[in-house]
Each structure stands twice: as C-alpha cells, then as structure tokens.
PDB file of all heavy atoms in Angstrom:
ATOM      1  N   SER A   1     -20.646  19.227-111.882  1.00  0.00           N
ATOM      2  CA  SER A   1     -20.124  19.446-110.540  1.00  0.00           C
ATOM      3  C   SER A   1     -18.671  19.876-110.575  1.00  0.00           C
ATOM      4  O   SER A   1     -17.922  19.540-111.500  1.00  0.00           O
ATOM      5  CB  SER A   1     -20.233  18.165-109.700  1.00  0.00           C
ATOM      6  OG  SER A   1     -21.572  17.743-109.554  1.00  0.00           O
ATOM      7  N   LEU A   2     -18.278  20.614-109.568  1.00  0.00           N
ATOM      8  CA  LEU A   2     -16.895  20.986-109.341  1.00  0.00           C
ATOM      9  C   LEU A   2     -16.620  20.945-107.843  1.00  0.00           C
ATOM     10  O   LEU A   2     -17.523  21.182-107.039  1.00  0.00           O
ATOM     11  CB  LEU A   2     -16.582  22.385-109.865  1.00  0.00           C
ATOM     12  CG  LEU A   2     -16.429  22.583-111.372  1.00  0.00           C
ATOM     13  CD1 LEU A   2     -16.284  24.073-111.679  1.00  0.00           C
ATOM     14  CD2 LEU A   2     -15.240  21.817-111.911  1.00  0.00           C
ATOM     15  N   ARG A   3     -15.386  20.678-107.510  1.00  0.00           N
ATOM     16  CA  ARG A   3     -14.963  20.712-106.124  1.00  0.00           C
ATOM     17  C   ARG A   3     -13.798  21.682-105.985  1.00  0.00           C
ATOM     18  O   ARG A   3     -12.728  21.455-106.549  1.00  0.00           O
ATOM     19  CB  ARG A   3     -14.544  19.330-105.636  1.00  0.00           C
ATOM     20  CG  ARG A   3     -14.260  19.265-104.131  1.00  0.00           C
ATOM     21  CD  ARG A   3     -13.541  17.988-103.787  1.00  0.00           C
ATOM     22  NE  ARG A   3     -13.427  17.775-102.350  1.00  0.00           N
ATOM     23  CZ  ARG A   3     -12.461  17.062-101.775  1.00  0.00           C
ATOM     24  NH1 ARG A   3     -11.531  16.488-102.525  1.00  0.00           N
ATOM     25  NH2 ARG A   3     -12.433  16.915-100.468  1.00  0.00           N
ATOM     26  N   LEU A   4     -14.025  22.741-105.243  1.00  0.00           N
ATOM     27  CA  LEU A   4     -12.991  23.726-104.998  1.00  0.00           C
ATOM     28  C   LEU A   4     -12.251  23.403-103.708  1.00  0.00           C
ATOM     29  O   LEU A   4     -12.844  22.929-102.742  1.00  0.00           O
ATOM     30  CB  LEU A   4     -13.591  25.129-104.892  1.00  0.00           C
ATOM     31  CG  LEU A   4     -14.466  25.604-106.058  1.00  0.00           C
ATOM     32  CD1 LEU A   4     -14.920  27.034-105.815  1.00  0.00           C
ATOM     33  CD2 LEU A   4     -13.727  25.487-107.377  1.00  0.00           C
ATOM     34  N   SER A   5     -10.964  23.684-103.707  1.00  0.00           N
ATOM     35  CA  SER A   5     -10.137  23.495-102.525  1.00  0.00           C
ATOM     36  C   SER A   5      -9.403  24.785-102.218  1.00  0.00           C
ATOM     37  O   SER A   5      -9.080  25.557-103.110  1.00  0.00           O
ATOM     38  CB  SER A   5      -9.114  22.373-102.741  1.00  0.00           C
ATOM     39  OG  SER A   5      -9.744  21.141-103.011  1.00  0.00           O
ATOM     40  N   CYS A   6      -9.131  24.999-100.954  1.00  0.00           N
ATOM     41  CA  CYS A   6      -8.368  26.152-100.521  1.00  0.00           C
ATOM     42  C   CYS A   6      -7.478  25.723 -99.372  1.00  0.00           C
ATOM     43  O   CYS A   6      -7.974  25.344 -98.307  1.00  0.00           O
ATOM     44  CB  CYS A   6      -9.295  27.292-100.098  1.00  0.00           C
ATOM     45  SG  CYS A   6      -8.442  28.737 -99.430  1.00  0.00           S
ATOM     46  N   ALA A   7      -6.188  25.788 -99.591  1.00  0.00           N
ATOM     47  CA  ALA A   7      -5.212  25.367 -98.596  1.00  0.00           C
ATOM     48  C   ALA A   7      -4.508  26.571 -97.995  1.00  0.00           C
ATOM     49  O   ALA A   7      -4.039  27.451 -98.716  1.00  0.00           O
ATOM     50  CB  ALA A   7      -4.192  24.421 -99.219  1.00  0.00           C
ATOM     51  N   ALA A   8      -4.441  26.591 -96.692  1.00  0.00           N
ATOM     52  CA  ALA A   8      -3.740  27.647 -95.974  1.00  0.00           C
ATOM     53  C   ALA A   8      -2.346  27.171 -95.583  1.00  0.00           C
ATOM     54  O   ALA A   8      -2.157  26.022 -95.182  1.00  0.00           O
ATOM     55  CB  ALA A   8      -4.518  28.057 -94.729  1.00  0.00           C
ATOM     56  N   SER A   9      -1.392  28.066 -95.691  1.00  0.00           N
ATOM     57  CA  SER A   9      -0.023  27.735 -95.321  1.00  0.00           C
ATOM     58  C   SER A   9       0.638  28.948 -94.688  1.00  0.00           C
ATOM     59  O   SER A   9       0.147  30.066 -94.789  1.00  0.00           O
ATOM     60  CB  SER A   9       0.781  27.256 -96.532  1.00  0.00           C
ATOM     61  OG  SER A   9       0.866  28.274 -97.517  1.00  0.00           O
ATOM     62  N   GLY A  10       1.782  28.718 -94.072  1.00  0.00           N
ATOM     63  CA  GLY A  10       2.510  29.784 -93.415  1.00  0.00           C
ATOM     64  C   GLY A  10       2.400  29.682 -91.910  1.00  0.00           C
ATOM     65  O   GLY A  10       2.230  28.593 -91.360  1.00  0.00           O
ATOM     66  N   SER A  11       2.508  30.820 -91.256  1.00  0.00           N
ATOM     67  CA  SER A  11       2.424  30.860 -89.803  1.00  0.00           C
ATOM     68  C   SER A  11       0.971  30.749 -89.373  1.00  0.00           C
ATOM     69  O   SER A  11       0.182  31.676 -89.560  1.00  0.00           O
ATOM     70  CB  SER A  11       3.038  32.158 -89.273  1.00  0.00           C
ATOM     71  OG  SER A  11       2.967  32.219 -87.865  1.00  0.00           O
ATOM     72  N   ILE A  12       0.615  29.609 -88.814  1.00  0.00           N
ATOM     73  CA  ILE A  12      -0.768  29.343 -88.416  1.00  0.00           C
ATOM     74  C   ILE A  12      -0.786  28.689 -87.052  1.00  0.00           C
ATOM     75  O   ILE A  12      -0.244  27.601 -86.874  1.00  0.00           O
ATOM     76  CB  ILE A  12      -1.476  28.437 -89.437  1.00  0.00           C
ATOM     77  CG1 ILE A  12      -1.507  29.091 -90.818  1.00  0.00           C
ATOM     78  CG2 ILE A  12      -2.890  28.126 -88.955  1.00  0.00           C
ATOM     79  CD1 ILE A  12      -2.042  28.188 -91.907  1.00  0.00           C
ATOM     80  N   PHE A  13      -1.418  29.348 -86.119  1.00  0.00           N
ATOM     81  CA  PHE A  13      -1.664  28.745 -84.820  1.00  0.00           C
ATOM     82  C   PHE A  13      -3.031  28.065 -84.802  1.00  0.00           C
ATOM     83  O   PHE A  13      -3.159  26.937 -84.316  1.00  0.00           O
ATOM     84  CB  PHE A  13      -1.574  29.789 -83.699  1.00  0.00           C
ATOM     85  CG  PHE A  13      -1.872  29.232 -82.340  1.00  0.00           C
ATOM     86  CD1 PHE A  13      -0.941  28.442 -81.688  1.00  0.00           C
ATOM     87  CD2 PHE A  13      -3.077  29.477 -81.713  1.00  0.00           C
ATOM     88  CE1 PHE A  13      -1.202  27.919 -80.433  1.00  0.00           C
ATOM     89  CE2 PHE A  13      -3.357  28.966 -80.458  1.00  0.00           C
ATOM     90  CZ  PHE A  13      -2.416  28.182 -79.819  1.00  0.00           C
ATOM     91  N   SER A  14      -4.016  28.749 -85.336  1.00  0.00           N
ATOM     92  CA  SER A  14      -5.344  28.170 -85.437  1.00  0.00           C
ATOM     93  C   SER A  14      -6.123  28.876 -86.533  1.00  0.00           C
ATOM     94  O   SER A  14      -5.842  30.021 -86.861  1.00  0.00           O
ATOM     95  CB  SER A  14      -6.099  28.259 -84.109  1.00  0.00           C
ATOM     96  OG  SER A  14      -6.368  29.605 -83.768  1.00  0.00           O
ATOM     97  N   ILE A  15      -7.095  28.177 -87.073  1.00  0.00           N
ATOM     98  CA  ILE A  15      -8.004  28.746 -88.056  1.00  0.00           C
ATOM     99  C   ILE A  15      -9.404  28.703 -87.461  1.00  0.00           C
ATOM    100  O   ILE A  15      -9.922  27.624 -87.174  1.00  0.00           O
ATOM    101  CB  ILE A  15      -7.962  27.978 -89.386  1.00  0.00           C
ATOM    102  CG1 ILE A  15      -6.548  28.016 -89.966  1.00  0.00           C
ATOM    103  CG2 ILE A  15      -8.970  28.563 -90.368  1.00  0.00           C
ATOM    104  CD1 ILE A  15      -6.379  27.248 -91.252  1.00  0.00           C
ATOM    105  N   ASN A  16      -9.980  29.860 -87.271  1.00  0.00           N
ATOM    106  CA  ASN A  16     -11.245  29.955 -86.567  1.00  0.00           C
ATOM    107  C   ASN A  16     -12.460  29.766 -87.466  1.00  0.00           C
ATOM    108  O   ASN A  16     -13.499  29.288 -87.010  1.00  0.00           O
ATOM    109  CB  ASN A  16     -11.346  31.300 -85.850  1.00  0.00           C
ATOM    110  CG  ASN A  16     -10.284  31.454 -84.777  1.00  0.00           C
ATOM    111  OD1 ASN A  16      -9.951  30.499 -84.078  1.00  0.00           O
ATOM    112  ND2 ASN A  16      -9.753  32.659 -84.643  1.00  0.00           N
ATOM    113  N   ALA A  17     -12.338  30.143 -88.719  1.00  0.00           N
ATOM    114  CA  ALA A  17     -13.465  30.026 -89.632  1.00  0.00           C
ATOM    115  C   ALA A  17     -12.976  30.098 -91.063  1.00  0.00           C
ATOM    116  O   ALA A  17     -11.931  30.693 -91.352  1.00  0.00           O
ATOM    117  CB  ALA A  17     -14.501  31.123 -89.376  1.00  0.00           C
ATOM    118  N   TYR A  18     -13.739  29.499 -91.952  1.00  0.00           N
ATOM    119  CA  TYR A  18     -13.499  29.591 -93.389  1.00  0.00           C
ATOM    120  C   TYR A  18     -14.749  30.108 -94.061  1.00  0.00           C
ATOM    121  O   TYR A  18     -15.872  29.880 -93.600  1.00  0.00           O
ATOM    122  CB  TYR A  18     -13.195  28.224 -94.000  1.00  0.00           C
ATOM    123  CG  TYR A  18     -11.890  27.584 -93.660  1.00  0.00           C
ATOM    124  CD1 TYR A  18     -11.834  26.572 -92.707  1.00  0.00           C
ATOM    125  CD2 TYR A  18     -10.718  27.925 -94.324  1.00  0.00           C
ATOM    126  CE1 TYR A  18     -10.643  25.926 -92.422  1.00  0.00           C
ATOM    127  CE2 TYR A  18      -9.527  27.288 -94.042  1.00  0.00           C
ATOM    128  CZ  TYR A  18      -9.494  26.290 -93.088  1.00  0.00           C
ATOM    129  OH  TYR A  18      -8.306  25.650 -92.807  1.00  0.00           O
ATOM    130  N   GLY A  19     -14.557  30.740 -95.195  1.00  0.00           N
ATOM    131  CA  GLY A  19     -15.683  31.157 -96.009  1.00  0.00           C
ATOM    132  C   GLY A  19     -15.357  31.057 -97.484  1.00  0.00           C
ATOM    133  O   GLY A  19     -14.198  31.164 -97.883  1.00  0.00           O
ATOM    134  N   TRP A  20     -16.381  30.820 -98.271  1.00  0.00           N
ATOM    135  CA  TRP A  20     -16.284  30.876 -99.729  1.00  0.00           C
ATOM    136  C   TRP A  20     -17.167  32.015-100.220  1.00  0.00           C
ATOM    137  O   TRP A  20     -18.337  32.102 -99.837  1.00  0.00           O
ATOM    138  CB  TRP A  20     -16.723  29.564-100.380  1.00  0.00           C
ATOM    139  CG  TRP A  20     -15.705  28.467-100.317  1.00  0.00           C
ATOM    140  CD1 TRP A  20     -15.674  27.418 -99.460  1.00  0.00           C
ATOM    141  CD2 TRP A  20     -14.568  28.316-101.176  1.00  0.00           C
ATOM    142  NE1 TRP A  20     -14.592  26.614 -99.718  1.00  0.00           N
ATOM    143  CE2 TRP A  20     -13.894  27.139-100.767  1.00  0.00           C
ATOM    144  CE3 TRP A  20     -14.058  29.050-102.242  1.00  0.00           C
ATOM    145  CZ2 TRP A  20     -12.730  26.690-101.385  1.00  0.00           C
ATOM    146  CZ3 TRP A  20     -12.900  28.603-102.860  1.00  0.00           C
ATOM    147  CH2 TRP A  20     -12.249  27.438-102.430  1.00  0.00           C
ATOM    148  N   TYR A  21     -16.599  32.858-101.041  1.00  0.00           N
ATOM    149  CA  TYR A  21     -17.301  33.974-101.647  1.00  0.00           C
ATOM    150  C   TYR A  21     -17.187  33.868-103.154  1.00  0.00           C
ATOM    151  O   TYR A  21     -16.323  33.163-103.677  1.00  0.00           O
ATOM    152  CB  TYR A  21     -16.714  35.311-101.189  1.00  0.00           C
ATOM    153  CG  TYR A  21     -16.916  35.637 -99.724  1.00  0.00           C
ATOM    154  CD1 TYR A  21     -16.190  34.991 -98.737  1.00  0.00           C
ATOM    155  CD2 TYR A  21     -17.832  36.610 -99.333  1.00  0.00           C
ATOM    156  CE1 TYR A  21     -16.363  35.295 -97.401  1.00  0.00           C
ATOM    157  CE2 TYR A  21     -18.011  36.928 -98.002  1.00  0.00           C
ATOM    158  CZ  TYR A  21     -17.279  36.268 -97.035  1.00  0.00           C
ATOM    159  OH  TYR A  21     -17.451  36.582 -95.713  1.00  0.00           O
ATOM    160  N   ARG A  22     -18.050  34.583-103.846  1.00  0.00           N
ATOM    161  CA  ARG A  22     -17.940  34.650-105.288  1.00  0.00           C
ATOM    162  C   ARG A  22     -18.300  36.043-105.767  1.00  0.00           C
ATOM    163  O   ARG A  22     -19.044  36.770-105.119  1.00  0.00           O
ATOM    164  CB  ARG A  22     -18.822  33.606-105.972  1.00  0.00           C
ATOM    165  CG  ARG A  22     -20.320  33.847-105.830  1.00  0.00           C
ATOM    166  CD  ARG A  22     -21.093  32.680-106.423  1.00  0.00           C
ATOM    167  NE  ARG A  22     -22.532  32.871-106.321  1.00  0.00           N
ATOM    168  CZ  ARG A  22     -23.420  31.929-106.597  1.00  0.00           C
ATOM    169  NH1 ARG A  22     -23.020  30.723-107.001  1.00  0.00           N
ATOM    170  NH2 ARG A  22     -24.717  32.192-106.479  1.00  0.00           N
ATOM    171  N   GLN A  23     -17.758  36.385-106.916  1.00  0.00           N
ATOM    172  CA  GLN A  23     -18.025  37.677-107.509  1.00  0.00           C
ATOM    173  C   GLN A  23     -18.149  37.519-109.018  1.00  0.00           C
ATOM    174  O   GLN A  23     -17.201  37.101-109.684  1.00  0.00           O
ATOM    175  CB  GLN A  23     -16.923  38.684-107.176  1.00  0.00           C
ATOM    176  CG  GLN A  23     -17.222  40.103-107.626  1.00  0.00           C
ATOM    177  CD  GLN A  23     -16.279  41.111-107.006  1.00  0.00           C
ATOM    178  OE1 GLN A  23     -15.180  40.774-106.577  1.00  0.00           O
ATOM    179  NE2 GLN A  23     -16.716  42.359-106.940  1.00  0.00           N
ATOM    180  N   ALA A  24     -19.321  37.834-109.515  1.00  0.00           N
ATOM    181  CA  ALA A  24     -19.576  37.811-110.945  1.00  0.00           C
ATOM    182  C   ALA A  24     -19.321  39.199-111.518  1.00  0.00           C
ATOM    183  O   ALA A  24     -19.370  40.202-110.797  1.00  0.00           O
ATOM    184  CB  ALA A  24     -21.008  37.374-111.221  1.00  0.00           C
ATOM    185  N   PRO A  25     -19.054  39.293-112.823  1.00  0.00           N
ATOM    186  CA  PRO A  25     -18.809  40.600-113.432  1.00  0.00           C
ATOM    187  C   PRO A  25     -19.950  41.572-113.184  1.00  0.00           C
ATOM    188  O   PRO A  25     -21.121  41.242-113.376  1.00  0.00           O
ATOM    189  CB  PRO A  25     -18.680  40.268-114.924  1.00  0.00           C
ATOM    190  CG  PRO A  25     -18.204  38.853-114.949  1.00  0.00           C
ATOM    191  CD  PRO A  25     -18.905  38.196-113.789  1.00  0.00           C
ATOM    192  N   GLY A  26     -19.609  42.771-112.733  1.00  0.00           N
ATOM    193  CA  GLY A  26     -20.595  43.793-112.493  1.00  0.00           C
ATOM    194  C   GLY A  26     -21.392  43.634-111.222  1.00  0.00           C
ATOM    195  O   GLY A  26     -22.312  44.418-110.975  1.00  0.00           O
ATOM    196  N   LYS A  27     -21.061  42.646-110.415  1.00  0.00           N
ATOM    197  CA  LYS A  27     -21.795  42.400-109.186  1.00  0.00           C
ATOM    198  C   LYS A  27     -20.860  42.444-107.985  1.00  0.00           C
ATOM    199  O   LYS A  27     -19.648  42.311-108.114  1.00  0.00           O
ATOM    200  CB  LYS A  27     -22.515  41.050-109.238  1.00  0.00           C
ATOM    201  CG  LYS A  27     -23.576  40.948-110.320  1.00  0.00           C
ATOM    202  CD  LYS A  27     -24.294  39.617-110.259  1.00  0.00           C
ATOM    203  CE  LYS A  27     -25.373  39.523-111.315  1.00  0.00           C
ATOM    204  NZ  LYS A  27     -26.075  38.213-111.267  1.00  0.00           N
ATOM    205  N   GLN A  28     -21.453  42.631-106.819  1.00  0.00           N
ATOM    206  CA  GLN A  28     -20.682  42.651-105.593  1.00  0.00           C
ATOM    207  C   GLN A  28     -20.311  41.234-105.161  1.00  0.00           C
ATOM    208  O   GLN A  28     -20.997  40.268-105.499  1.00  0.00           O
ATOM    209  CB  GLN A  28     -21.467  43.341-104.479  1.00  0.00           C
ATOM    210  CG  GLN A  28     -21.699  44.822-104.703  1.00  0.00           C
ATOM    211  CD  GLN A  28     -22.382  45.483-103.520  1.00  0.00           C
ATOM    212  OE1 GLN A  28     -23.159  44.844-102.812  1.00  0.00           O
ATOM    213  NE2 GLN A  28     -22.086  46.752-103.303  1.00  0.00           N
ATOM    214  N   ARG A  29     -19.234  41.154-104.411  1.00  0.00           N
ATOM    215  CA  ARG A  29     -18.841  39.873-103.867  1.00  0.00           C
ATOM    216  C   ARG A  29     -19.865  39.425-102.828  1.00  0.00           C
ATOM    217  O   ARG A  29     -20.309  40.214-101.996  1.00  0.00           O
ATOM    218  CB  ARG A  29     -17.451  39.981-103.234  1.00  0.00           C
ATOM    219  CG  ARG A  29     -16.869  38.659-102.785  1.00  0.00           C
ATOM    220  CD  ARG A  29     -15.432  38.823-102.300  1.00  0.00           C
ATOM    221  NE  ARG A  29     -14.562  39.339-103.346  1.00  0.00           N
ATOM    222  CZ  ARG A  29     -13.252  39.471-103.223  1.00  0.00           C
ATOM    223  NH1 ARG A  29     -12.644  39.118-102.095  1.00  0.00           N
ATOM    224  NH2 ARG A  29     -12.540  39.954-104.228  1.00  0.00           N
ATOM    225  N   GLU A  30     -20.235  38.163-102.875  1.00  0.00           N
ATOM    226  CA  GLU A  30     -21.235  37.644-101.968  1.00  0.00           C
ATOM    227  C   GLU A  30     -20.753  36.374-101.292  1.00  0.00           C
ATOM    228  O   GLU A  30     -19.986  35.600-101.860  1.00  0.00           O
ATOM    229  CB  GLU A  30     -22.553  37.364-102.705  1.00  0.00           C
ATOM    230  CG  GLU A  30     -22.451  36.282-103.763  1.00  0.00           C
ATOM    231  CD  GLU A  30     -23.783  35.933-104.394  1.00  0.00           C
ATOM    232  OE1 GLU A  30     -24.829  36.352-103.861  1.00  0.00           O
ATOM    233  OE2 GLU A  30     -23.790  35.232-105.424  1.00  0.00           O
ATOM    234  N   LEU A  31     -21.224  36.184-100.084  1.00  0.00           N
ATOM    235  CA  LEU A  31     -20.910  34.973 -99.340  1.00  0.00           C
ATOM    236  C   LEU A  31     -21.695  33.803 -99.906  1.00  0.00           C
ATOM    237  O   LEU A  31     -22.906  33.886-100.083  1.00  0.00           O
ATOM    238  CB  LEU A  31     -21.238  35.158 -97.862  1.00  0.00           C
ATOM    239  CG  LEU A  31     -21.056  33.934 -96.968  1.00  0.00           C
ATOM    240  CD1 LEU A  31     -19.576  33.573 -96.855  1.00  0.00           C
ATOM    241  CD2 LEU A  31     -21.643  34.183 -95.581  1.00  0.00           C
ATOM    242  N   VAL A  32     -20.998  32.717-100.169  1.00  0.00           N
ATOM    243  CA  VAL A  32     -21.627  31.499-100.655  1.00  0.00           C
ATOM    244  C   VAL A  32     -21.834  30.504 -99.520  1.00  0.00           C
ATOM    245  O   VAL A  32     -22.907  29.924 -99.371  1.00  0.00           O
ATOM    246  CB  VAL A  32     -20.796  30.854-101.780  1.00  0.00           C
ATOM    247  CG1 VAL A  32     -21.433  29.543-102.239  1.00  0.00           C
ATOM    248  CG2 VAL A  32     -20.648  31.816-102.944  1.00  0.00           C
ATOM    249  N   ALA A  33     -20.790  30.291 -98.737  1.00  0.00           N
ATOM    250  CA  ALA A  33     -20.857  29.335 -97.646  1.00  0.00           C
ATOM    251  C   ALA A  33     -19.785  29.656 -96.624  1.00  0.00           C
ATOM    252  O   ALA A  33     -18.748  30.233 -96.958  1.00  0.00           O
ATOM    253  CB  ALA A  33     -20.685  27.899 -98.151  1.00  0.00           C
ATOM    254  N   ALA A  34     -20.028  29.278 -95.391  1.00  0.00           N
ATOM    255  CA  ALA A  34     -19.060  29.472 -94.318  1.00  0.00           C
ATOM    256  C   ALA A  34     -19.117  28.288 -93.370  1.00  0.00           C
ATOM    257  O   ALA A  34     -20.163  27.655 -93.208  1.00  0.00           O
ATOM    258  CB  ALA A  34     -19.333  30.767 -93.561  1.00  0.00           C
ATOM    259  N   ILE A  35     -17.980  28.009 -92.762  1.00  0.00           N
ATOM    260  CA  ILE A  35     -17.915  26.955 -91.763  1.00  0.00           C
ATOM    261  C   ILE A  35     -17.107  27.472 -90.585  1.00  0.00           C
ATOM    262  O   ILE A  35     -16.031  28.046 -90.752  1.00  0.00           O
ATOM    263  CB  ILE A  35     -17.330  25.647 -92.340  1.00  0.00           C
ATOM    264  CG1 ILE A  35     -17.402  24.523 -91.307  1.00  0.00           C
ATOM    265  CG2 ILE A  35     -15.914  25.850 -92.854  1.00  0.00           C
ATOM    266  CD1 ILE A  35     -17.156  23.144 -91.908  1.00  0.00           C
TER     267      ILE A  35
END
C-alpha cells in the first residue's frame, strides 16, 4: 500500500474538485479518481 498526498497552496478562495491521474511510459495520462 501507498498513500499519496497533494497539498494546494497560494491564492485560494475555493477548491471545487480534485483529481488523481497517472501516466505510465508509452501510455496516455488517465484519470484514476476524482472527488
């Protein structure tokens, strides 16, 4: 198992959605999960 984190910083009024994507060598980037 692994747990990935992604922190947003800077000028932020609101965050409407998040997504996790991945890209393997030779392949297109694909959506893994969204909230």
